[in-house]
Amino acid sequence: MPARSIVNQIAFRYRAIDSATGVSRQTAKRLAEYLGVDETQVIHRALHELAVKMLPQYEADDGPLTAAQIRQIKERVPQGSKRSVRSSLLEEESV
């Protein structure tokens, strides 16, 4: 097994009680048992879920489209014909 680099490690301290800003060791152990992983994986999974929820999942774009880009889009999409999409996911209200 390769030696672990101390540079890639952090100190992690469990809280005495569960709160909005941390969890106790008992809770981490219960999660690990429930998920079938070790406590380190519980922490990684929690951080991953938080990252997906809080951080942008795509690169920021260059801002609004330019006039040239809008013109190119209009040239490629048929204009003048009304199009609509019907969805069976939402029930229509009967009048």
PDB file of N, CA and C in Angstrom:
ATOM      1  N   MET A   1       0.850  -1.180   0.000  1.00  0.00           N
ATOM      2  CA  MET A   1       0.000   0.000   0.000  1.00  0.00           C
ATOM      3  C   MET A   1       0.891   1.237   0.000  1.00  0.00           C
ATOM      4  N   PRO A   2       0.634   2.206  -0.890  1.00  0.00           N
ATOM      5  CA  PRO A   2       1.468   3.397  -0.943  1.00  0.00           C
ATOM      6  C   PRO A   2       1.297   4.245   0.318  1.00  0.00           C
ATOM      7  N   ALA A   3       2.337   4.940   0.701  1.00  0.00           N
ATOM      8  CA  ALA A   3       2.269   5.818   1.870  1.00  0.00           C
ATOM      9  C   ALA A   3       1.377   7.010   1.562  1.00  0.00           C
ATOM     10  N   ARG A   4       0.593   7.412   2.543  1.00  0.00           N
ATOM     11  CA  ARG A   4      -0.301   8.557   2.355  1.00  0.00           C
ATOM     12  C   ARG A   4       0.470   9.850   2.537  1.00  0.00           C
ATOM     13  N   SER A   5       0.150  10.811   1.749  1.00  0.00           N
ATOM     14  CA  SER A   5       0.781  12.115   1.838  1.00  0.00           C
ATOM     15  C   SER A   5       0.093  12.940   2.915  1.00  0.00           C
ATOM     16  N   ILE A   6       0.859  13.486   3.830  1.00  0.00           N
ATOM     17  CA  ILE A   6       0.285  14.311   4.892  1.00  0.00           C
ATOM     18  C   ILE A   6      -0.331  15.574   4.311  1.00  0.00           C
ATOM     19  N   VAL A   7       0.162  16.036   3.182  1.00  0.00           N
ATOM     20  CA  VAL A   7      -0.364  17.238   2.536  1.00  0.00           C
ATOM     21  C   VAL A   7      -1.838  17.056   2.176  1.00  0.00           C
ATOM     22  N   ASN A   8      -2.258  15.837   1.837  1.00  0.00           N
ATOM     23  CA  ASN A   8      -3.632  15.576   1.398  1.00  0.00           C
ATOM     24  C   ASN A   8      -4.574  15.220   2.543  1.00  0.00           C
ATOM     25  N   GLN A   9      -4.166  15.418   3.780  1.00  0.00           N
ATOM     26  CA  GLN A   9      -5.003  15.062   4.914  1.00  0.00           C
ATOM     27  C   GLN A   9      -5.422  16.299   5.684  1.00  0.00           C
ATOM     28  N   ILE A  10      -6.564  16.200   6.346  1.00  0.00           N
ATOM     29  CA  ILE A  10      -7.044  17.269   7.213  1.00  0.00           C
ATOM     30  C   ILE A  10      -7.424  16.659   8.552  1.00  0.00           C
ATOM     31  N   ALA A  11      -7.466  17.497   9.568  1.00  0.00           N
ATOM     32  CA  ALA A  11      -7.965  17.049  10.863  1.00  0.00           C
ATOM     33  C   ALA A  11      -9.486  17.143  10.818  1.00  0.00           C
ATOM     34  N   PHE A  12     -10.138  16.083  11.235  1.00  0.00           N
ATOM     35  CA  PHE A  12     -11.600  16.084  11.253  1.00  0.00           C
ATOM     36  C   PHE A  12     -12.045  15.767  12.667  1.00  0.00           C
ATOM     37  N   ARG A  13     -12.856  16.630  13.232  1.00  0.00           N
ATOM     38  CA  ARG A  13     -13.345  16.419  14.585  1.00  0.00           C
ATOM     39  C   ARG A  13     -14.864  16.303  14.558  1.00  0.00           C
ATOM     40  N   TYR A  14     -15.351  15.218  15.114  1.00  0.00           N
ATOM     41  CA  TYR A  14     -16.794  15.041  15.235  1.00  0.00           C
ATOM     42  C   TYR A  14     -17.321  16.007  16.287  1.00  0.00           C
ATOM     43  N   ARG A  15     -18.580  16.333  16.217  1.00  0.00           N
ATOM     44  CA  ARG A  15     -19.230  17.180  17.210  1.00  0.00           C
ATOM     45  C   ARG A  15     -19.699  16.310  18.381  1.00  0.00           C
ATOM     46  N   ALA A  16     -19.882  16.915  19.523  1.00  0.00           N
ATOM     47  CA  ALA A  16     -20.380  16.183  20.694  1.00  0.00           C
ATOM     48  C   ALA A  16     -21.834  15.765  20.472  1.00  0.00           C
ATOM     49  N   ILE A  17     -22.581  16.637  19.800  1.00  0.00           N
ATOM     50  CA  ILE A  17     -23.985  16.343  19.473  1.00  0.00           C
ATOM     51  C   ILE A  17     -24.233  16.719  18.017  1.00  0.00           C
ATOM     52  N   ASP A  18     -25.265  16.135  17.429  1.00  0.00           N
ATOM     53  CA  ASP A  18     -25.640  16.466  16.055  1.00  0.00           C
ATOM     54  C   ASP A  18     -26.263  17.853  16.008  1.00  0.00           C
ATOM     55  N   SER A  19     -25.919  18.593  14.975  1.00  0.00           N
ATOM     56  CA  SER A  19     -26.499  19.920  14.778  1.00  0.00           C
ATOM     57  C   SER A  19     -26.489  20.222  13.286  1.00  0.00           C
ATOM     58  N   ALA A  20     -26.925  21.418  12.924  1.00  0.00           N
ATOM     59  CA  ALA A  20     -26.943  21.824  11.519  1.00  0.00           C
ATOM     60  C   ALA A  20     -25.530  21.984  10.962  1.00  0.00           C
ATOM     61  N   THR A  21     -24.536  22.092  11.835  1.00  0.00           N
ATOM     62  CA  THR A  21     -23.169  22.314  11.378  1.00  0.00           C
ATOM     63  C   THR A  21     -22.230  21.144  11.641  1.00  0.00           C
ATOM     64  N   GLY A  22     -22.760  20.012  12.053  1.00  0.00           N
ATOM     65  CA  GLY A  22     -21.890  18.867  12.270  1.00  0.00           C
ATOM     66  C   GLY A  22     -22.632  17.675  12.833  1.00  0.00           C
ATOM     67  N   VAL A  23     -21.951  16.539  12.855  1.00  0.00           N
ATOM     68  CA  VAL A  23     -22.551  15.312  13.380  1.00  0.00           C
ATOM     69  C   VAL A  23     -21.615  14.653  14.388  1.00  0.00           C
ATOM     70  N   SER A  24     -22.199  13.832  15.223  1.00  0.00           N
ATOM     71  CA  SER A  24     -21.434  13.090  16.207  1.00  0.00           C
ATOM     72  C   SER A  24     -20.838  11.840  15.561  1.00  0.00           C
ATOM     73  N   ARG A  25     -19.875  11.258  16.238  1.00  0.00           N
ATOM     74  CA  ARG A  25     -19.258  10.024  15.745  1.00  0.00           C
ATOM     75  C   ARG A  25     -20.306   8.919  15.671  1.00  0.00           C
ATOM     76  N   GLN A  26     -21.215   8.897  16.632  1.00  0.00           N
ATOM     77  CA  GLN A  26     -22.269   7.877  16.646  1.00  0.00           C
ATOM     78  C   GLN A  26     -23.113   7.955  15.374  1.00  0.00           C
ATOM     79  N   THR A  27     -23.455   9.153  14.956  1.00  0.00           N
ATOM     80  CA  THR A  27     -24.237   9.320  13.730  1.00  0.00           C
ATOM     81  C   THR A  27     -23.442   8.875  12.510  1.00  0.00           C
ATOM     82  N   ALA A  28     -22.171   9.232  12.447  1.00  0.00           N
ATOM     83  CA  ALA A  28     -21.328   8.817  11.325  1.00  0.00           C
ATOM     84  C   ALA A  28     -21.233   7.294  11.262  1.00  0.00           C
ATOM     85  N   LYS A  29     -21.089   6.653  12.414  1.00  0.00           N
ATOM     86  CA  LYS A  29     -21.025   5.187  12.446  1.00  0.00           C
ATOM     87  C   LYS A  29     -22.336   4.568  11.990  1.00  0.00           C
ATOM     88  N   ARG A  30     -23.460   5.149  12.409  1.00  0.00           N
ATOM     89  CA  ARG A  30     -24.770   4.635  11.986  1.00  0.00           C
ATOM     90  C   ARG A  30     -24.937   4.782  10.481  1.00  0.00           C
ATOM     91  N   LEU A  31     -24.530   5.923   9.930  1.00  0.00           N
ATOM     92  CA  LEU A  31     -24.606   6.128   8.484  1.00  0.00           C
ATOM     93  C   LEU A  31     -23.716   5.131   7.745  1.00  0.00           C
ATOM     94  N   ALA A  32     -22.517   4.937   8.247  1.00  0.00           N
ATOM     95  CA  ALA A  32     -21.587   4.002   7.615  1.00  0.00           C
ATOM     96  C   ALA A  32     -22.183   2.599   7.589  1.00  0.00           C
ATOM     97  N   GLU A  33     -22.754   2.189   8.690  1.00  0.00           N
ATOM     98  CA  GLU A  33     -23.366   0.852   8.754  1.00  0.00           C
ATOM     99  C   GLU A  33     -24.551   0.757   7.785  1.00  0.00           C
ATOM    100  N   TYR A  34     -25.385   1.792   7.778  1.00  0.00           N
ATOM    101  CA  TYR A  34     -26.558   1.804   6.899  1.00  0.00           C
ATOM    102  C   TYR A  34     -26.151   1.746   5.424  1.00  0.00           C
ATOM    103  N   LEU A  35     -25.107   2.479   5.055  1.00  0.00           N
ATOM    104  CA  LEU A  35     -24.661   2.543   3.662  1.00  0.00           C
ATOM    105  C   LEU A  35     -23.712   1.409   3.284  1.00  0.00           C
ATOM    106  N   GLY A  36     -23.197   0.709   4.273  1.00  0.00           N
ATOM    107  CA  GLY A  36     -22.273  -0.382   3.998  1.00  0.00           C
ATOM    108  C   GLY A  36     -20.889   0.095   3.581  1.00  0.00           C
ATOM    109  N   VAL A  37     -20.479   1.231   4.127  1.00  0.00           N
ATOM    110  CA  VAL A  37     -19.161   1.795   3.825  1.00  0.00           C
ATOM    111  C   VAL A  37     -18.492   2.185   5.139  1.00  0.00           C
ATOM    112  N   ASP A  38     -17.233   2.663   5.058  1.00  0.00           N
ATOM    113  CA  ASP A  38     -16.578   3.119   6.286  1.00  0.00           C
ATOM    114  C   ASP A  38     -16.876   4.605   6.516  1.00  0.00           C
ATOM    115  N   GLU A  39     -16.463   5.106   7.670  1.00  0.00           N
ATOM    116  CA  GLU A  39     -16.765   6.495   8.035  1.00  0.00           C
ATOM    117  C   GLU A  39     -16.141   7.496   7.060  1.00  0.00           C
ATOM    118  N   THR A  40     -14.965   7.191   6.544  1.00  0.00           N
ATOM    119  CA  THR A  40     -14.321   8.088   5.582  1.00  0.00           C
ATOM    120  C   THR A  40     -15.186   8.241   4.334  1.00  0.00           C
ATOM    121  N   GLN A  41     -15.747   7.122   3.853  1.00  0.00           N
ATOM    122  CA  GLN A  41     -16.614   7.185   2.671  1.00  0.00           C
ATOM    123  C   GLN A  41     -17.887   7.963   2.966  1.00  0.00           C
ATOM    124  N   VAL A  42     -18.407   7.869   4.185  1.00  0.00           N
ATOM    125  CA  VAL A  42     -19.585   8.661   4.570  1.00  0.00           C
ATOM    126  C   VAL A  42     -19.269  10.142   4.429  1.00  0.00           C
ATOM    127  N   ILE A  43     -18.103  10.546   4.913  1.00  0.00           N
ATOM    128  CA  ILE A  43     -17.705  11.955   4.825  1.00  0.00           C
ATOM    129  C   ILE A  43     -17.554  12.375   3.363  1.00  0.00           C
ATOM    130  N   HIS A  44     -16.900  11.532   2.557  1.00  0.00           N
ATOM    131  CA  HIS A  44     -16.734  11.853   1.135  1.00  0.00           C
ATOM    132  C   HIS A  44     -18.083  11.966   0.428  1.00  0.00           C
ATOM    133  N   ARG A  45     -18.996  11.049   0.714  1.00  0.00           N
ATOM    134  CA  ARG A  45     -20.313  11.094   0.062  1.00  0.00           C
ATOM    135  C   ARG A  45     -21.081  12.340   0.470  1.00  0.00           C
ATOM    136  N   ALA A  46     -20.998  12.701   1.748  1.00  0.00           N
ATOM    137  CA  ALA A  46     -21.689  13.903   2.227  1.00  0.00           C
ATOM    138  C   ALA A  46     -21.117  15.152   1.558  1.00  0.00           C
ATOM    139  N   LEU A  47     -19.790  15.220   1.463  1.00  0.00           N
ATOM    140  CA  LEU A  47     -19.167  16.371   0.817  1.00  0.00           C
ATOM    141  C   LEU A  47     -19.505  16.430  -0.667  1.00  0.00           C
ATOM    142  N   HIS A  48     -19.559  15.271  -1.320  1.00  0.00           N
ATOM    143  CA  HIS A  48     -19.914  15.242  -2.738  1.00  0.00           C
ATOM    144  C   HIS A  48     -21.347  15.759  -2.941  1.00  0.00           C
ATOM    145  N   GLU A  49     -22.284  15.283  -2.129  1.00  0.00           N
ATOM    146  CA  GLU A  49     -23.672  15.745  -2.258  1.00  0.00           C
ATOM    147  C   GLU A  49     -23.778  17.244  -2.018  1.00  0.00           C
ATOM    148  N   LEU A  50     -23.037  17.750  -1.039  1.00  0.00           N
ATOM    149  CA  LEU A  50     -23.039  19.186  -0.773  1.00  0.00           C
ATOM    150  C   LEU A  50     -22.444  19.966  -1.943  1.00  0.00           C
ATOM    151  N   ALA A  51     -21.365  19.448  -2.525  1.00  0.00           N
ATOM    152  CA  ALA A  51     -20.744  20.114  -3.674  1.00  0.00           C
ATOM    153  C   ALA A  51     -21.696  20.176  -4.857  1.00  0.00           C
ATOM    154  N   VAL A  52     -22.388  19.078  -5.148  1.00  0.00           N
ATOM    155  CA  VAL A  52     -23.334  19.050  -6.265  1.00  0.00           C
ATOM    156  C   VAL A  52     -24.475  20.035  -6.013  1.00  0.00           C
ATOM    157  N   LYS A  53     -24.915  20.104  -4.783  1.00  0.00           N
ATOM    158  CA  LYS A  53     -26.037  20.983  -4.438  1.00  0.00           C
ATOM    159  C   LYS A  53     -25.643  22.461  -4.447  1.00  0.00           C
ATOM    160  N   MET A  54     -24.445  22.777  -3.982  1.00  0.00           N
ATOM    161  CA  MET A  54     -24.075  24.172  -3.756  1.00  0.00           C
ATOM    162  C   MET A  54     -23.218  24.803  -4.860  1.00  0.00           C
ATOM    163  N   LEU A  55     -22.416  24.008  -5.558  1.00  0.00           N
ATOM    164  CA  LEU A  55     -21.482  24.567  -6.535  1.00  0.00           C
ATOM    165  C   LEU A  55     -22.024  24.425  -7.953  1.00  0.00           C
ATOM    166  N   PRO A  56     -21.745  25.378  -8.833  1.00  0.00           N
ATOM    167  CA  PRO A  56     -22.170  25.248 -10.229  1.00  0.00           C
ATOM    168  C   PRO A  56     -21.588  23.973 -10.835  1.00  0.00           C
ATOM    169  N   GLN A  57     -22.387  23.283 -11.628  1.00  0.00           N
ATOM    170  CA  GLN A  57     -21.953  22.024 -12.227  1.00  0.00           C
ATOM    171  C   GLN A  57     -21.535  22.209 -13.681  1.00  0.00           C
ATOM    172  N   TYR A  58     -21.352  23.454 -14.095  1.00  0.00           N
ATOM    173  CA  TYR A  58     -20.947  23.740 -15.466  1.00  0.00           C
ATOM    174  C   TYR A  58     -20.125  25.027 -15.460  1.00  0.00           C
ATOM    175  N   GLU A  59     -19.360  25.207 -16.489  1.00  0.00           N
ATOM    176  CA  GLU A  59     -18.554  26.418 -16.607  1.00  0.00           C
ATOM    177  C   GLU A  59     -19.457  27.604 -16.940  1.00  0.00           C
ATOM    178  N   ALA A  60     -19.137  28.740 -16.403  1.00  0.00           N
ATOM    179  CA  ALA A  60     -19.902  29.950 -16.713  1.00  0.00           C
ATOM    180  C   ALA A  60     -19.755  30.264 -18.196  1.00  0.00           C
ATOM    181  N   ASP A  61     -20.837  30.736 -18.807  1.00  0.00           N
ATOM    182  CA  ASP A  61     -20.765  31.065 -20.226  1.00  0.00           C
ATOM    183  C   ASP A  61     -20.232  32.487 -20.410  1.00  0.00           C
ATOM    184  N   ASP A  62     -20.216  32.927 -21.665  1.00  0.00           N
ATOM    185  CA  ASP A  62     -19.668  34.236 -21.989  1.00  0.00           C
ATOM    186  C   ASP A  62     -20.705  35.352 -21.885  1.00  0.00           C
ATOM    187  N   GLY A  63     -21.861  35.064 -21.333  1.00  0.00           N
ATOM    188  CA  GLY A  63     -22.885  36.092 -21.200  1.00  0.00           C
ATOM    189  C   GLY A  63     -23.933  35.979 -22.298  1.00  0.00           C
ATOM    190  N   PRO A  64     -24.693  37.043 -22.520  1.00  0.00           N
ATOM    191  CA  PRO A  64     -25.772  37.024 -23.517  1.00  0.00           C
ATOM    192  C   PRO A  64     -25.253  36.740 -24.925  1.00  0.00           C
ATOM    193  N   LEU A  65     -26.150  36.193 -25.756  1.00  0.00           N
ATOM    194  CA  LEU A  65     -25.797  35.923 -27.153  1.00  0.00           C
ATOM    195  C   LEU A  65     -25.575  37.236 -27.896  1.00  0.00           C
ATOM    196  N   THR A  66     -24.682  37.189 -28.844  1.00  0.00           N
ATOM    197  CA  THR A  66     -24.444  38.368 -29.682  1.00  0.00           C
ATOM    198  C   THR A  66     -25.514  38.412 -30.774  1.00  0.00           C
ATOM    199  N   ALA A  67     -25.606  39.551 -31.452  1.00  0.00           N
ATOM    200  CA  ALA A  67     -26.564  39.690 -32.547  1.00  0.00           C
ATOM    201  C   ALA A  67     -26.257  38.677 -33.647  1.00  0.00           C
ATOM    202  N   ALA A  68     -24.976  38.432 -33.905  1.00  0.00           N
ATOM    203  CA  ALA A  68     -24.577  37.459 -34.933  1.00  0.00           C
ATOM    204  C   ALA A  68     -25.018  36.049 -34.552  1.00  0.00           C
ATOM    205  N   GLN A  69     -24.902  35.689 -33.286  1.00  0.00           N
ATOM    206  CA  GLN A  69     -25.320  34.359 -32.843  1.00  0.00           C
ATOM    207  C   GLN A  69     -26.831  34.191 -32.958  1.00  0.00           C
ATOM    208  N   ILE A  70     -27.567  35.224 -32.596  1.00  0.00           N
ATOM    209  CA  ILE A  70     -29.033  35.163 -32.710  1.00  0.00           C
ATOM    210  C   ILE A  70     -29.436  35.032 -34.174  1.00  0.00           C
ATOM    211  N   ARG A  71     -28.777  35.753 -35.051  1.00  0.00           N
ATOM    212  CA  ARG A  71     -29.060  35.674 -36.485  1.00  0.00           C
ATOM    213  C   ARG A  71     -28.789  34.256 -37.002  1.00  0.00           C
ATOM    214  N   GLN A  72     -27.686  33.646 -36.584  1.00  0.00           N
ATOM    215  CA  GLN A  72     -27.361  32.283 -37.003  1.00  0.00           C
ATOM    216  C   GLN A  72     -28.421  31.286 -36.523  1.00  0.00           C
ATOM    217  N   ILE A  73     -28.892  31.461 -35.330  1.00  0.00           N
ATOM    218  CA  ILE A  73     -29.939  30.572 -34.803  1.00  0.00           C
ATOM    219  C   ILE A  73     -31.211  30.717 -35.623  1.00  0.00           C
ATOM    220  N   LYS A  74     -31.609  31.956 -35.905  1.00  0.00           N
ATOM    221  CA  LYS A  74     -32.833  32.192 -36.679  1.00  0.00           C
ATOM    222  C   LYS A  74     -32.721  31.641 -38.092  1.00  0.00           C
ATOM    223  N   GLU A  75     -31.523  31.664 -38.660  1.00  0.00           N
ATOM    224  CA  GLU A  75     -31.325  31.112 -40.001  1.00  0.00           C
ATOM    225  C   GLU A  75     -31.507  29.595 -40.008  1.00  0.00           C
ATOM    226  N   ARG A  76     -31.195  28.946 -38.934  1.00  0.00           N
ATOM    227  CA  ARG A  76     -31.257  27.484 -38.878  1.00  0.00           C
ATOM    228  C   ARG A  76     -32.599  26.948 -38.398  1.00  0.00           C
ATOM    229  N   VAL A  77     -33.406  27.792 -37.754  1.00  0.00           N
ATOM    230  CA  VAL A  77     -34.707  27.359 -37.236  1.00  0.00           C
ATOM    231  C   VAL A  77     -35.796  27.938 -38.127  1.00  0.00           C
ATOM    232  N   PRO A  78     -36.717  27.077 -38.587  1.00  0.00           N
ATOM    233  CA  PRO A  78     -37.815  27.589 -39.426  1.00  0.00           C
ATOM    234  C   PRO A  78     -38.602  28.676 -38.687  1.00  0.00           C
ATOM    235  N   GLN A  79     -38.793  29.812 -39.370  1.00  0.00           N
ATOM    236  CA  GLN A  79     -39.512  30.927 -38.759  1.00  0.00           C
ATOM    237  C   GLN A  79     -40.924  31.004 -39.333  1.00  0.00           C
ATOM    238  N   GLY A  80     -41.806  31.613 -38.590  1.00  0.00           N
ATOM    239  CA  GLY A  80     -43.153  31.867 -39.082  1.00  0.00           C
ATOM    240  C   GLY A  80     -44.141  30.754 -38.829  1.00  0.00           C
ATOM    241  N   SER A  81     -43.723  29.618 -38.371  1.00  0.00           N
ATOM    242  CA  SER A  81     -44.690  28.560 -38.090  1.00  0.00           C
ATOM    243  C   SER A  81     -44.793  28.400 -36.581  1.00  0.00           C
ATOM    244  N   LYS A  82     -46.032  28.402 -36.109  1.00  0.00           N
ATOM    245  CA  LYS A  82     -46.245  28.281 -34.671  1.00  0.00           C
ATOM    246  C   LYS A  82     -46.039  26.826 -34.273  1.00  0.00           C
ATOM    247  N   ARG A  83     -45.252  26.615 -33.271  1.00  0.00           N
ATOM    248  CA  ARG A  83     -44.996  25.263 -32.782  1.00  0.00           C
ATOM    249  C   ARG A  83     -45.294  25.227 -31.295  1.00  0.00           C
ATOM    250  N   SER A  84     -45.796  24.091 -30.847  1.00  0.00           N
ATOM    251  CA  SER A  84     -46.034  23.929 -29.421  1.00  0.00           C
ATOM    252  C   SER A  84     -45.749  22.485 -29.035  1.00  0.00           C
ATOM    253  N   VAL A  85     -45.528  22.295 -27.782  1.00  0.00           N
ATOM    254  CA  VAL A  85     -45.255  20.964 -27.257  1.00  0.00           C
ATOM    255  C   VAL A  85     -46.322  20.650 -26.234  1.00  0.00           C
ATOM    256  N   ARG A  86     -46.938  19.489 -26.374  1.00  0.00           N
ATOM    257  CA  ARG A  86     -47.936  19.069 -25.406  1.00  0.00           C
ATOM    258  C   ARG A  86     -47.293  18.056 -24.489  1.00  0.00           C
ATOM    259  N   SER A  87     -47.665  18.125 -23.240  1.00  0.00           N
ATOM    260  CA  SER A  87     -47.103  17.204 -22.258  1.00  0.00           C
ATOM    261  C   SER A  87     -48.224  16.454 -21.570  1.00  0.00           C
ATOM    262  N   SER A  88     -48.034  15.168 -21.403  1.00  0.00           N
ATOM    263  CA  SER A  88     -49.002  14.386 -20.669  1.00  0.00           C
ATOM    264  C   SER A  88     -48.664  14.361 -19.178  1.00  0.00           C
ATOM    265  N   LEU A  89     -47.613  15.068 -18.799  1.00  0.00           N
ATOM    266  CA  LEU A  89     -47.210  15.078 -17.392  1.00  0.00           C
ATOM    267  C   LEU A  89     -48.135  15.956 -16.544  1.00  0.00           C
ATOM    268  N   LEU A  90     -48.691  16.987 -17.173  1.00  0.00           N
ATOM    269  CA  LEU A  90     -49.573  17.891 -16.440  1.00  0.00           C
ATOM    270  C   LEU A  90     -50.986  17.737 -16.959  1.00  0.00           C
ATOM    271  N   GLU A  91     -51.901  17.686 -16.030  1.00  0.00           N
ATOM    272  CA  GLU A  91     -53.309  17.573 -16.432  1.00  0.00           C
ATOM    273  C   GLU A  91     -53.833  18.934 -16.834  1.00  0.00           C
ATOM    274  N   GLU A  92     -54.583  18.975 -17.937  1.00  0.00           N
ATOM    275  CA  GLU A  92     -55.174  20.235 -18.354  1.00  0.00           C
ATOM    276  C   GLU A  92     -56.468  20.443 -17.594  1.00  0.00           C
ATOM    277  N   GLU A  93     -56.722  21.699 -17.217  1.00  0.00           N
ATOM    278  CA  GLU A  93     -57.969  22.011 -16.534  1.00  0.00           C
ATOM    279  C   GLU A  93     -59.087  22.056 -17.556  1.00  0.00           C
ATOM    280  N   SER A  94     -60.213  21.434 -17.207  1.00  0.00           N
ATOM    281  CA  SER A  94     -61.353  21.503 -18.127  1.00  0.00           C
ATOM    282  C   SER A  94     -62.206  22.724 -17.780  1.00  0.00           C
ATOM    283  N   VAL A  95     -62.644  23.399 -18.838  1.00  0.00           N
ATOM    284  CA  VAL A  95     -63.386  24.652 -18.660  1.00  0.00           C
ATOM    285  C   VAL A  95     -64.855  24.401 -18.702  1.00  0.00           C
TER     286      VAL A  95
END
